[in-house]
Amino acid sequence: EMCIRDRRRVHGYQRRVHEEGYGTDISNALDIDIDYGQVEAKLAIDPNGLLTPSTYTFAIRAKHFIPVNTKIVFTLGSANISSSFSCRANVLTGDCTLGGNEVTLSFLAAINADIPFEISIEGIVNPSSIGTYSGFFVRVNNKDGMDISKSEEMTIYVDYGKVSAELAVTPNEALTHSTYAFRITPKHFMLAGNKIELTLGSETIASDFSCQINAQTKACTVSGNVITLNSLPYTNANLSLIHICRCRRIERCRSRWSPYH
């Protein structure tokens, strides 16, 4: 066994056959090609919401030895990279730099073949429309900037993400007029003018009910057991506390985010 770490055509291999009493047979010269192999990569994004600052994490496994001072380059398709982006890695790397839609890091320690590692790029703003986006690659460069290996193309799918909600009722007694407090955390960017719809199960909503968002009274309408807040006072994904006053406690409520309005 032997190991050759340079990419080149190696000459001069011969097969010698020794048989006692019969001399030596020598084959024609044989050549072999030494290549760097391939780099495998998978991409995950979190959170997965439209226009939301996100972290793109690449799970990488190179099929070849990576020397010190080798560079790894991430091509990020049409993603919008924030000027305040940053990088995290579970291997020893130098500072990351941005050029166009590519982020580059240098390896400060060698990595053996088939050793998995992860590199995350924080501060990438997701696209503004639902859909599948392509054009994501990982390349490994030598110290002179020449490609050693390149991954297959990766794609991402971006949608509205999720909204998490918690509900507290005060006082929590049957047939009592109560205040229903929804603590809501959208996982995506929200356009100005989005609506929130709160579905209140079998609760009775008093005719003089009112709504507050983060302690400020806001206009809201009711239709059946659904309360709608029309114009939201923010445009970034954040935490909001919505109070619905004077509901009559019967069953549990649920909320529904309405991003299409």
Protein backbone atom coordinates (compact mmCIF):
# COMPACT_ATOMS: atom_id res chain seq x y z
CA GLU A 1 0.00 0.00 0.00
CA MET A 2 1.10 3.60 -0.64
CA CYS A 3 -0.41 7.06 -0.62
CA ILE A 4 0.09 9.74 -3.30
CA ARG A 5 -1.25 13.20 -2.37
CA ASP A 6 -0.48 15.11 -5.57
CA ARG A 7 -2.86 15.22 -8.51
CA ARG A 8 -0.84 13.92 -11.44
CA ARG A 9 -0.27 11.06 -13.88
CA VAL A 10 2.29 8.70 -12.40
CA HIS A 11 4.57 6.81 -14.80
CA GLY A 12 6.95 3.90 -14.66
CA TYR A 13 4.94 1.14 -12.99
CA GLN A 14 6.06 -2.30 -14.17
CA ARG A 15 5.13 -5.84 -13.30
CA ARG A 16 8.09 -8.11 -12.66
CA VAL A 17 7.69 -11.90 -12.46
CA HIS A 18 10.50 -13.87 -10.90
CA GLU A 19 10.58 -17.61 -11.32
CA GLU A 20 13.55 -19.49 -9.97
CA GLY A 21 15.67 -20.84 -12.78
CA TYR A 22 13.72 -19.08 -15.54
CA GLY A 23 14.97 -15.45 -15.36
CA THR A 24 12.74 -12.34 -15.08
CA ASP A 25 9.73 -11.22 -17.16
CA ILE A 26 9.05 -7.44 -17.30
CA SER A 27 5.71 -6.00 -18.51
CA ASN A 28 5.23 -2.83 -20.51
CA ALA A 29 5.22 0.41 -18.47
CA LEU A 30 1.86 1.12 -16.75
CA ASP A 31 0.42 4.56 -15.95
CA ILE A 32 -2.18 5.49 -13.30
CA ASP A 33 -4.24 8.64 -12.82
CA ILE A 34 -4.36 10.14 -9.31
CA ASP A 35 -7.41 12.39 -8.72
CA TYR A 36 -8.76 14.20 -5.66
CA GLY A 37 -12.07 12.38 -5.58
CA GLN A 38 -15.31 14.14 -4.75
CA VAL A 39 -16.78 16.23 -1.95
CA GLU A 40 -20.25 15.33 -0.70
CA ALA A 41 -22.48 18.02 0.84
CA LYS A 42 -26.02 18.42 2.16
CA LEU A 43 -27.69 21.76 2.93
CA ALA A 44 -30.25 22.63 5.61
CA ILE A 45 -31.69 26.10 6.39
CA ASP A 46 -33.20 27.33 9.66
CA PRO A 47 -35.59 29.06 9.94
CA ASN A 48 -37.27 28.38 6.62
CA GLY A 49 -39.39 31.53 6.24
CA LEU A 50 -39.72 34.02 3.41
CA LEU A 51 -37.38 37.04 3.66
CA THR A 52 -36.20 35.79 7.05
CA PRO A 53 -32.55 35.95 8.21
CA SER A 54 -31.51 32.32 8.30
CA THR A 55 -28.59 29.99 9.00
CA TYR A 56 -27.46 27.76 6.13
CA THR A 57 -25.69 24.64 7.44
CA PHE A 58 -23.62 22.43 5.14
CA ALA A 59 -22.88 18.85 6.21
CA ILE A 60 -19.69 17.96 4.29
CA ARG A 61 -17.62 14.83 3.69
CA ALA A 62 -14.62 15.07 1.39
CA LYS A 63 -13.57 11.88 -0.36
CA HIS A 64 -9.94 13.00 -0.31
CA PHE A 65 -7.31 14.37 2.05
CA ILE A 66 -7.58 18.15 2.65
CA PRO A 67 -4.19 19.81 3.31
CA VAL A 68 -3.61 22.83 5.56
CA ASN A 69 -4.40 26.21 3.89
CA THR A 70 -6.81 24.58 1.46
CA LYS A 71 -9.89 26.76 0.90
CA ILE A 72 -13.55 25.80 0.91
CA VAL A 73 -15.91 27.91 -1.20
CA PHE A 74 -19.70 28.04 -0.83
CA THR A 75 -21.66 29.17 -3.88
CA LEU A 76 -25.03 30.39 -2.58
CA GLY A 77 -27.18 30.71 -5.70
CA SER A 78 -29.52 33.70 -5.55
CA ALA A 79 -29.45 33.95 -1.74
CA ASN A 80 -29.07 37.46 -0.32
CA ILE A 81 -26.08 37.50 2.03
CA SER A 82 -26.20 40.10 4.79
CA SER A 83 -23.17 42.34 5.34
CA SER A 84 -23.18 41.14 8.96
CA PHE A 85 -22.95 37.45 8.03
CA SER A 86 -20.73 35.10 10.06
CA CYS A 87 -19.48 31.51 9.88
CA ARG A 88 -19.30 28.63 12.37
CA ALA A 89 -17.44 25.35 11.89
CA ASN A 90 -16.63 22.25 13.93
CA VAL A 91 -13.20 22.10 12.28
CA LEU A 92 -10.37 24.64 12.55
CA THR A 93 -10.87 27.38 9.95
CA GLY A 94 -9.78 30.96 9.43
CA ASP A 95 -12.00 33.99 8.86
CA CYS A 96 -14.71 33.76 6.22
CA THR A 97 -14.80 36.27 3.38
CA LEU A 98 -17.54 37.29 0.96
CA GLY A 99 -17.17 37.81 -2.77
CA GLY A 100 -20.32 38.13 -4.88
CA ASN A 101 -22.54 35.21 -3.89
CA GLU A 102 -19.65 33.11 -2.57
CA VAL A 103 -18.31 32.67 0.95
CA THR A 104 -14.74 31.37 1.38
CA LEU A 105 -12.91 29.89 4.39
CA SER A 106 -9.40 28.52 4.79
CA PHE A 107 -8.64 25.28 6.63
CA LEU A 108 -6.08 25.82 9.42
CA ALA A 109 -5.71 22.11 10.02
CA ALA A 110 -5.61 19.13 7.68
CA ILE A 111 -8.66 16.86 7.39
CA ASN A 112 -8.40 13.22 6.40
CA ALA A 113 -10.60 11.68 3.73
CA ASP A 114 -14.15 10.64 4.69
CA ILE A 115 -14.17 12.70 7.91
CA PRO A 116 -17.57 14.48 8.19
CA PHE A 117 -17.72 18.10 9.35
CA GLU A 118 -20.20 20.98 9.35
CA ILE A 119 -19.93 24.64 8.41
CA SER A 120 -22.78 27.08 9.06
CA ILE A 121 -23.21 30.51 7.47
CA GLU A 122 -25.40 32.84 9.52
CA GLY A 123 -27.08 35.97 8.20
CA ILE A 124 -28.40 34.81 4.83
CA VAL A 125 -31.78 36.32 3.97
CA ASN A 126 -34.19 33.80 2.44
CA PRO A 127 -35.87 34.55 -0.92
CA SER A 128 -39.14 36.50 -1.04
CA SER A 129 -41.27 33.94 -2.90
CA ILE A 130 -42.29 30.37 -2.14
CA GLY A 131 -40.41 27.88 -4.29
CA THR A 132 -37.37 25.71 -4.91
CA TYR A 133 -34.04 27.51 -5.36
CA SER A 134 -30.96 25.95 -6.94
CA GLY A 135 -27.36 26.96 -7.57
CA PHE A 136 -25.80 25.87 -4.25
CA PHE A 137 -22.37 24.20 -4.44
CA VAL A 138 -19.38 23.43 -2.24
CA ARG A 139 -15.92 23.60 -3.82
CA VAL A 140 -12.53 22.77 -2.34
CA ASN A 141 -9.64 24.89 -3.70
CA ASN A 142 -5.90 24.45 -3.28
CA LYS A 143 -3.79 27.33 -1.96
CA ASP A 144 -3.44 28.68 -5.51
CA GLY A 145 -7.24 28.97 -5.91
CA MET A 146 -7.65 26.02 -8.30
CA ASP A 147 -10.56 23.62 -7.79
CA ILE A 148 -9.66 20.32 -6.17
CA SER A 149 -13.19 18.96 -5.97
CA LYS A 150 -16.79 20.11 -6.23
CA SER A 151 -20.08 18.86 -4.81
CA GLU A 152 -23.23 18.07 -6.72
CA GLU A 153 -25.69 20.97 -7.00
CA MET A 154 -27.95 21.44 -3.96
CA THR A 155 -31.41 23.01 -3.79
CA ILE A 156 -33.53 24.54 -1.02
CA TYR A 157 -37.29 24.94 -0.66
CA VAL A 158 -38.56 28.13 0.99
CA ASP A 159 -42.09 28.63 2.31
CA TYR A 160 -43.81 30.65 5.02
CA GLY A 161 -42.29 28.70 7.88
CA LYS A 162 -44.38 28.32 11.01
CA VAL A 163 -45.98 30.28 13.80
CA SER A 164 -45.90 29.07 17.40
CA ALA A 165 -48.54 30.20 19.90
CA GLU A 166 -49.27 29.84 23.61
CA LEU A 167 -52.60 30.68 25.26
CA ALA A 168 -53.32 31.79 28.83
CA VAL A 169 -56.83 32.51 30.21
CA THR A 170 -57.45 34.85 33.19
CA PRO A 171 -59.55 34.11 35.13
CA ASN A 172 -59.86 30.47 34.10
CA GLU A 173 -63.39 29.70 35.25
CA ALA A 174 -66.42 28.39 33.36
CA LEU A 175 -68.98 30.97 32.17
CA THR A 176 -66.75 33.83 33.33
CA HIS A 177 -65.73 36.83 31.20
CA SER A 178 -61.98 36.38 30.78
CA THR A 179 -58.97 37.79 29.01
CA TYR A 180 -57.39 35.40 26.49
CA ALA A 181 -53.68 36.16 26.03
CA PHE A 182 -52.02 34.67 22.93
CA ARG A 183 -48.23 34.77 22.94
CA ILE A 184 -47.27 34.39 19.29
CA THR A 185 -43.84 33.86 17.70
CA PRO A 186 -43.86 33.90 13.86
CA LYS A 187 -40.96 31.99 12.30
CA HIS A 188 -40.95 34.12 9.16
CA PHE A 189 -40.88 37.68 7.91
CA MET A 190 -44.28 39.41 7.95
CA LEU A 191 -45.35 41.98 5.40
CA ALA A 192 -47.01 45.16 6.64
CA GLY A 193 -50.78 44.73 6.54
CA ASN A 194 -50.76 40.97 7.27
CA LYS A 195 -53.69 39.75 9.35
CA ILE A 196 -54.00 37.44 12.33
CA GLU A 197 -57.08 35.25 12.73
CA LEU A 198 -57.83 33.78 16.15
CA THR A 199 -60.31 30.90 16.22
CA LEU A 200 -61.91 30.66 19.67
CA GLY A 201 -63.54 27.25 19.63
CA SER A 202 -66.94 27.33 21.41
CA GLU A 203 -66.25 30.46 23.44
CA THR A 204 -68.82 33.25 23.60
CA ILE A 205 -67.37 36.62 22.61
CA ALA A 206 -68.98 39.58 24.36
CA SER A 207 -70.28 42.42 22.20
CA ASP A 208 -67.95 44.86 23.99
CA PHE A 209 -64.81 42.76 23.51
CA SER A 210 -61.50 44.49 22.74
CA CYS A 211 -58.05 43.54 21.39
CA GLN A 212 -54.56 44.61 22.40
CA ILE A 213 -51.20 43.91 20.81
CA ASN A 214 -48.20 44.41 23.09
CA ALA A 215 -50.38 46.53 25.46
CA GLN A 216 -51.72 48.77 22.65
CA THR A 217 -55.42 48.65 21.74
CA LYS A 218 -55.92 47.64 18.09
CA ALA A 219 -58.92 47.44 15.79
CA CYS A 220 -60.29 43.93 15.41
CA THR A 221 -63.43 42.37 14.00
CA VAL A 222 -65.42 39.27 14.89
CA SER A 223 -67.29 36.85 12.64
CA GLY A 224 -68.80 33.89 14.42
CA ASN A 225 -66.04 32.57 16.67
CA VAL A 226 -63.17 34.08 14.62
CA ILE A 227 -61.49 37.34 15.62
CA THR A 228 -59.40 39.12 12.97
CA LEU A 229 -56.73 41.76 13.61
CA ASN A 230 -56.27 43.65 10.39
CA SER A 231 -53.09 45.74 10.28
CA LEU A 232 -50.09 44.50 12.19
CA PRO A 233 -47.74 47.12 13.70
CA TYR A 234 -44.48 45.41 12.69
CA THR A 235 -42.77 43.87 9.68
CA ASN A 236 -40.12 41.61 11.19
CA ALA A 237 -40.59 38.20 12.77
CA ASN A 238 -40.81 38.86 16.49
CA LEU A 239 -42.71 38.09 19.65
CA SER A 240 -46.17 39.56 20.12
CA LEU A 241 -48.66 39.30 22.97
CA ILE A 242 -52.29 39.59 21.92
CA HIS A 243 -55.03 40.05 24.53
CA ILE A 244 -58.67 39.31 23.68
CA CYS A 245 -60.79 40.73 26.51
CA ARG A 246 -64.27 39.59 27.58
CA CYS A 247 -64.51 36.08 26.16
CA ARG A 248 -66.61 33.54 28.06
CA ARG A 249 -64.61 30.44 28.94
CA ILE A 250 -65.98 27.12 27.59
CA GLU A 251 -63.33 25.22 25.53
CA ARG A 252 -59.79 25.64 24.33
CA CYS A 253 -58.96 28.12 21.58
CA ARG A 254 -56.62 27.92 18.65
CA SER A 255 -55.01 30.56 16.45
CA ARG A 256 -54.34 30.70 12.74
CA TRP A 257 -51.85 32.95 11.01
CA SER A 258 -53.14 34.39 7.75
CA PRO A 259 -50.15 35.41 5.58
CA TYR A 260 -52.15 35.69 2.36
CA HIS A 261 -54.09 38.81 3.46
